Amino acid sequence: GSKSEVYERNIDVPGVAAQAEGAAGY
């Protein structure tokens, strides 16, 4: 079942953004 820690995890947004830069073009 849904657990609070699943929704409260803290994603490394800058890291994911850097990975997406090539596809995004920015």
PDB file of all heavy atoms in Angstrom:
ATOM      1  N   GLY A   1       0.813  -1.203   0.000  1.00  0.00           N
ATOM      2  CA  GLY A   1       0.000   0.000   0.000  1.00  0.00           C
ATOM      3  C   GLY A   1       0.848   1.254   0.000  1.00  0.00           C
ATOM      4  O   GLY A   1       2.045   1.220   0.264  1.00  0.00           O
ATOM      5  N   SER A   2       0.204   2.379  -0.284  1.00  0.00           N
ATOM      6  CA  SER A   2       0.916   3.657  -0.330  1.00  0.00           C
ATOM      7  C   SER A   2       1.531   3.960   1.033  1.00  0.00           C
ATOM      8  O   SER A   2       0.872   3.865   2.055  1.00  0.00           O
ATOM      9  CB  SER A   2      -0.059   4.767  -0.704  1.00  0.00           C
ATOM     10  OG  SER A   2      -0.592   4.515  -1.972  1.00  0.00           O
ATOM     11  N   LYS A   3       2.784   4.307   1.025  1.00  0.00           N
ATOM     12  CA  LYS A   3       3.469   4.656   2.263  1.00  0.00           C
ATOM     13  C   LYS A   3       3.965   6.081   2.166  1.00  0.00           C
ATOM     14  O   LYS A   3       4.374   6.541   1.106  1.00  0.00           O
ATOM     15  CB  LYS A   3       4.644   3.702   2.497  1.00  0.00           C
ATOM     16  CG  LYS A   3       4.208   2.259   2.709  1.00  0.00           C
ATOM     17  CD  LYS A   3       5.403   1.358   2.958  1.00  0.00           C
ATOM     18  CE  LYS A   3       4.964  -0.078   3.156  1.00  0.00           C
ATOM     19  NZ  LYS A   3       6.109  -0.983   3.366  1.00  0.00           N
ATOM     20  N   SER A   4       3.937   6.774   3.288  1.00  0.00           N
ATOM     21  CA  SER A   4       4.298   8.188   3.275  1.00  0.00           C
ATOM     22  C   SER A   4       5.716   8.410   2.780  1.00  0.00           C
ATOM     23  O   SER A   4       5.987   9.378   2.087  1.00  0.00           O
ATOM     24  CB  SER A   4       4.132   8.778   4.681  1.00  0.00           C
ATOM     25  OG  SER A   4       4.962   8.092   5.599  1.00  0.00           O
ATOM     26  N   GLU A   5       6.644   7.474   3.110  1.00  0.00           N
ATOM     27  CA  GLU A   5       8.025   7.710   2.698  1.00  0.00           C
ATOM     28  C   GLU A   5       8.190   7.665   1.187  1.00  0.00           C
ATOM     29  O   GLU A   5       9.096   8.257   0.629  1.00  0.00           O
ATOM     30  CB  GLU A   5       8.983   6.708   3.361  1.00  0.00           C
ATOM     31  CG  GLU A   5       8.711   5.264   3.051  1.00  0.00           C
ATOM     32  CD  GLU A   5       7.835   4.609   4.098  1.00  0.00           C
ATOM     33  OE1 GLU A   5       7.102   5.346   4.786  1.00  0.00           O
ATOM     34  OE2 GLU A   5       7.877   3.383   4.233  1.00  0.00           O
ATOM     35  N   VAL A   6       7.279   6.949   0.480  1.00  0.00           N
ATOM     36  CA  VAL A   6       7.346   6.909  -0.975  1.00  0.00           C
ATOM     37  C   VAL A   6       7.072   8.293  -1.535  1.00  0.00           C
ATOM     38  O   VAL A   6       7.703   8.744  -2.474  1.00  0.00           O
ATOM     39  CB  VAL A   6       6.331   5.896  -1.532  1.00  0.00           C
ATOM     40  CG1 VAL A   6       6.270   5.984  -3.049  1.00  0.00           C
ATOM     41  CG2 VAL A   6       6.695   4.479  -1.098  1.00  0.00           C
ATOM     42  N   TYR A   7       6.107   8.988  -0.938  1.00  0.00           N
ATOM     43  CA  TYR A   7       5.731  10.298  -1.436  1.00  0.00           C
ATOM     44  C   TYR A   7       6.621  11.409  -0.885  1.00  0.00           C
ATOM     45  O   TYR A   7       6.662  12.489  -1.426  1.00  0.00           O
ATOM     46  CB  TYR A   7       4.263  10.571  -1.097  1.00  0.00           C
ATOM     47  CG  TYR A   7       3.343   9.623  -1.815  1.00  0.00           C
ATOM     48  CD1 TYR A   7       2.822   8.510  -1.173  1.00  0.00           C
ATOM     49  CD2 TYR A   7       3.036   9.811  -3.154  1.00  0.00           C
ATOM     50  CE1 TYR A   7       2.000   7.620  -1.840  1.00  0.00           C
ATOM     51  CE2 TYR A   7       2.221   8.931  -3.833  1.00  0.00           C
ATOM     52  CZ  TYR A   7       1.694   7.834  -3.171  1.00  0.00           C
ATOM     53  OH  TYR A   7       0.893   6.954  -3.837  1.00  0.00           O
ATOM     54  N   GLU A   8       7.312  11.136   0.195  1.00  0.00           N
ATOM     55  CA  GLU A   8       8.130  12.165   0.806  1.00  0.00           C
ATOM     56  C   GLU A   8       9.607  12.058   0.434  1.00  0.00           C
ATOM     57  O   GLU A   8      10.435  12.757   0.981  1.00  0.00           O
ATOM     58  CB  GLU A   8       7.972  12.110   2.333  1.00  0.00           C
ATOM     59  CG  GLU A   8       6.580  12.495   2.780  1.00  0.00           C
ATOM     60  CD  GLU A   8       6.411  12.408   4.283  1.00  0.00           C
ATOM     61  OE1 GLU A   8       7.405  12.125   4.982  1.00  0.00           O
ATOM     62  OE2 GLU A   8       5.295  12.635   4.745  1.00  0.00           O
ATOM     63  N   ARG A   9       9.934  11.168  -0.487  1.00  0.00           N
ATOM     64  CA  ARG A   9      11.335  11.052  -0.893  1.00  0.00           C
ATOM     65  C   ARG A   9      11.789  12.353  -1.538  1.00  0.00           C
ATOM     66  O   ARG A   9      10.991  13.086  -2.105  1.00  0.00           O
ATOM     67  CB  ARG A   9      11.487   9.896  -1.877  1.00  0.00           C
ATOM     68  CG  ARG A   9      10.637  10.055  -3.138  1.00  0.00           C
ATOM     69  CD  ARG A   9      10.697   8.830  -3.990  1.00  0.00           C
ATOM     70  NE  ARG A   9       9.815   8.979  -5.138  1.00  0.00           N
ATOM     71  CZ  ARG A   9       9.646   8.052  -6.059  1.00  0.00           C
ATOM     72  NH1 ARG A   9      10.292   6.918  -5.962  1.00  0.00           N
ATOM     73  NH2 ARG A   9       8.836   8.249  -7.065  1.00  0.00           N
ATOM     74  N   ASN A  10      13.063  12.634  -1.437  1.00  0.00           N
ATOM     75  CA  ASN A  10      13.599  13.888  -1.972  1.00  0.00           C
ATOM     76  C   ASN A  10      14.462  13.586  -3.193  1.00  0.00           C
ATOM     77  O   ASN A  10      15.566  13.076  -3.070  1.00  0.00           O
ATOM     78  CB  ASN A  10      14.403  14.621  -0.887  1.00  0.00           C
ATOM     79  CG  ASN A  10      14.598  16.085  -1.225  1.00  0.00           C
ATOM     80  OD1 ASN A  10      13.867  16.630  -2.043  1.00  0.00           O
ATOM     81  ND2 ASN A  10      15.570  16.712  -0.621  1.00  0.00           N
ATOM     82  N   ILE A  11      13.933  13.901  -4.362  1.00  0.00           N
ATOM     83  CA  ILE A  11      14.612  13.612  -5.621  1.00  0.00           C
ATOM     84  C   ILE A  11      15.730  14.633  -5.872  1.00  0.00           C
ATOM     85  O   ILE A  11      15.599  15.817  -5.550  1.00  0.00           O
ATOM     86  CB  ILE A  11      13.596  13.654  -6.786  1.00  0.00           C
ATOM     87  CG1 ILE A  11      12.497  12.613  -6.571  1.00  0.00           C
ATOM     88  CG2 ILE A  11      14.273  13.444  -8.125  1.00  0.00           C
ATOM     89  CD1 ILE A  11      12.983  11.187  -6.570  1.00  0.00           C
ATOM     90  N   ASP A  12      16.796  14.176  -6.486  1.00  0.00           N
ATOM     91  CA  ASP A  12      17.897  15.068  -6.895  1.00  0.00           C
ATOM     92  C   ASP A  12      17.487  15.740  -8.208  1.00  0.00           C
ATOM     93  O   ASP A  12      17.832  15.274  -9.295  1.00  0.00           O
ATOM     94  CB  ASP A  12      19.175  14.253  -7.072  1.00  0.00           C
ATOM     95  CG  ASP A  12      20.334  15.092  -7.614  1.00  0.00           C
ATOM     96  OD1 ASP A  12      20.261  16.340  -7.538  1.00  0.00           O
ATOM     97  OD2 ASP A  12      21.303  14.493  -8.132  1.00  0.00           O
ATOM     98  N   VAL A  13      16.730  16.815  -8.097  1.00  0.00           N
ATOM     99  CA  VAL A  13      16.200  17.497  -9.287  1.00  0.00           C
ATOM    100  C   VAL A  13      17.316  18.022 -10.192  1.00  0.00           C
ATOM    101  O   VAL A  13      17.266  17.824 -11.416  1.00  0.00           O
ATOM    102  CB  VAL A  13      15.224  18.624  -8.889  1.00  0.00           C
ATOM    103  CG1 VAL A  13      14.693  19.349 -10.134  1.00  0.00           C
ATOM    104  CG2 VAL A  13      14.055  18.052  -8.094  1.00  0.00           C
ATOM    105  N   PRO A  14      18.359  18.690  -9.668  1.00  0.00           N
ATOM    106  CA  PRO A  14      19.433  19.160 -10.559  1.00  0.00           C
ATOM    107  C   PRO A  14      20.083  18.013 -11.335  1.00  0.00           C
ATOM    108  O   PRO A  14      20.420  18.163 -12.511  1.00  0.00           O
ATOM    109  CB  PRO A  14      20.419  19.823  -9.604  1.00  0.00           C
ATOM    110  CG  PRO A  14      19.601  20.230  -8.425  1.00  0.00           C
ATOM    111  CD  PRO A  14      18.567  19.158  -8.277  1.00  0.00           C
ATOM    112  N   GLY A  15      20.261  16.868 -10.686  1.00  0.00           N
ATOM    113  CA  GLY A  15      20.868  15.726 -11.366  1.00  0.00           C
ATOM    114  C   GLY A  15      20.003  15.210 -12.500  1.00  0.00           C
ATOM    115  O   GLY A  15      20.495  14.921 -13.598  1.00  0.00           O
ATOM    116  N   VAL A  16      18.687  15.092 -12.239  1.00  0.00           N
ATOM    117  CA  VAL A  16      17.769  14.615 -13.278  1.00  0.00           C
ATOM    118  C   VAL A  16      17.670  15.650 -14.397  1.00  0.00           C
ATOM    119  O   VAL A  16      17.599  15.312 -15.580  1.00  0.00           O
ATOM    120  CB  VAL A  16      16.378  14.315 -12.690  1.00  0.00           C
ATOM    121  CG1 VAL A  16      15.429  13.807 -13.776  1.00  0.00           C
ATOM    122  CG2 VAL A  16      16.474  13.301 -11.562  1.00  0.00           C
ATOM    123  N   ALA A  17      17.681  16.943 -14.030  1.00  0.00           N
ATOM    124  CA  ALA A  17      17.608  18.011 -15.037  1.00  0.00           C
ATOM    125  C   ALA A  17      18.825  17.961 -15.962  1.00  0.00           C
ATOM    126  O   ALA A  17      18.698  18.137 -17.181  1.00  0.00           O
ATOM    127  CB  ALA A  17      17.512  19.371 -14.349  1.00  0.00           C
ATOM    128  N   ALA A  18      19.991  17.715 -15.387  1.00  0.00           N
ATOM    129  CA  ALA A  18      21.216  17.626 -16.200  1.00  0.00           C
ATOM    130  C   ALA A  18      21.123  16.464 -17.184  1.00  0.00           C
ATOM    131  O   ALA A  18      21.570  16.577 -18.332  1.00  0.00           O
ATOM    132  CB  ALA A  18      22.428  17.468 -15.283  1.00  0.00           C
ATOM    133  N   GLN A  19      20.527  15.363 -16.733  1.00  0.00           N
ATOM    134  CA  GLN A  19      20.359  14.205 -17.621  1.00  0.00           C
ATOM    135  C   GLN A  19      19.363  14.501 -18.739  1.00  0.00           C
ATOM    136  O   GLN A  19      19.478  13.991 -19.847  1.00  0.00           O
ATOM    137  CB  GLN A  19      19.885  12.992 -16.819  1.00  0.00           C
ATOM    138  CG  GLN A  19      20.911  12.478 -15.825  1.00  0.00           C
ATOM    139  CD  GLN A  19      20.348  11.384 -14.924  1.00  0.00           C
ATOM    140  OE1 GLN A  19      19.203  10.969 -15.071  1.00  0.00           O
ATOM    141  NE2 GLN A  19      21.164  10.917 -13.990  1.00  0.00           N
ATOM    142  N   ALA A  20      18.374  15.350 -18.448  1.00  0.00           N
ATOM    143  CA  ALA A  20      17.331  15.652 -19.433  1.00  0.00           C
ATOM    144  C   ALA A  20      17.729  16.758 -20.403  1.00  0.00           C
ATOM    145  O   ALA A  20      17.048  16.978 -21.407  1.00  0.00           O
ATOM    146  CB  ALA A  20      16.037  16.057 -18.708  1.00  0.00           C
ATOM    147  N   GLU A  21      18.828  17.450 -20.132  1.00  0.00           N
ATOM    148  CA  GLU A  21      19.223  18.602 -20.946  1.00  0.00           C
ATOM    149  C   GLU A  21      19.393  18.240 -22.417  1.00  0.00           C
ATOM    150  O   GLU A  21      18.984  19.000 -23.306  1.00  0.00           O
ATOM    151  CB  GLU A  21      20.502  19.226 -20.392  1.00  0.00           C
ATOM    152  CG  GLU A  21      20.915  20.485 -21.133  1.00  0.00           C
ATOM    153  CD  GLU A  21      22.126  21.157 -20.505  1.00  0.00           C
ATOM    154  OE1 GLU A  21      22.754  20.557 -19.603  1.00  0.00           O
ATOM    155  OE2 GLU A  21      22.463  22.288 -20.932  1.00  0.00           O
ATOM    156  N   GLY A  22      19.995  17.104 -22.687  1.00  0.00           N
ATOM    157  CA  GLY A  22      20.206  16.718 -24.084  1.00  0.00           C
ATOM    158  C   GLY A  22      18.908  16.553 -24.846  1.00  0.00           C
ATOM    159  O   GLY A  22      18.781  17.001 -25.993  1.00  0.00           O
ATOM    160  N   ALA A  23      17.915  15.931 -24.227  1.00  0.00           N
ATOM    161  CA  ALA A  23      16.621  15.727 -24.883  1.00  0.00           C
ATOM    162  C   ALA A  23      15.839  17.032 -24.973  1.00  0.00           C
ATOM    163  O   ALA A  23      15.148  17.284 -25.959  1.00  0.00           O
ATOM    164  CB  ALA A  23      15.809  14.676 -24.125  1.00  0.00           C
ATOM    165  N   ALA A  24      15.958  17.865 -23.939  1.00  0.00           N
ATOM    166  CA  ALA A  24      15.178  19.099 -23.905  1.00  0.00           C
ATOM    167  C   ALA A  24      15.736  20.167 -24.832  1.00  0.00           C
ATOM    168  O   ALA A  24      14.990  20.964 -25.410  1.00  0.00           O
ATOM    169  CB  ALA A  24      15.134  19.639 -22.468  1.00  0.00           C
ATOM    170  N   GLY A  25      17.050  20.218 -24.972  1.00  0.00           N
ATOM    171  CA  GLY A  25      17.657  21.288 -25.756  1.00  0.00           C
ATOM    172  C   GLY A  25      17.916  22.519 -24.914  1.00  0.00           C
ATOM    173  O   GLY A  25      18.366  23.545 -25.410  1.00  0.00           O
ATOM    174  N   TYR A  26      17.638  22.442 -23.623  1.00  0.00           N
ATOM    175  CA  TYR A  26      17.917  23.507 -22.664  1.00  0.00           C
ATOM    176  C   TYR A  26      18.027  22.846 -21.300  1.00  0.00           C
ATOM    177  O   TYR A  26      17.601  21.691 -21.111  1.00  0.00           O
ATOM    178  CB  TYR A  26      16.810  24.574 -22.656  1.00  0.00           C
ATOM    179  CG  TYR A  26      15.423  24.034 -22.343  1.00  0.00           C
ATOM    180  CD1 TYR A  26      14.956  23.943 -21.023  1.00  0.00           C
ATOM    181  CD2 TYR A  26      14.569  23.603 -23.357  1.00  0.00           C
ATOM    182  CE1 TYR A  26      13.700  23.444 -20.737  1.00  0.00           C
ATOM    183  CE2 TYR A  26      13.308  23.105 -23.080  1.00  0.00           C
ATOM    184  CZ  TYR A  26      12.870  23.029 -21.771  1.00  0.00           C
ATOM    185  OH  TYR A  26      11.617  22.529 -21.488  1.00  0.00           O
TER     186      TYR A  26
END
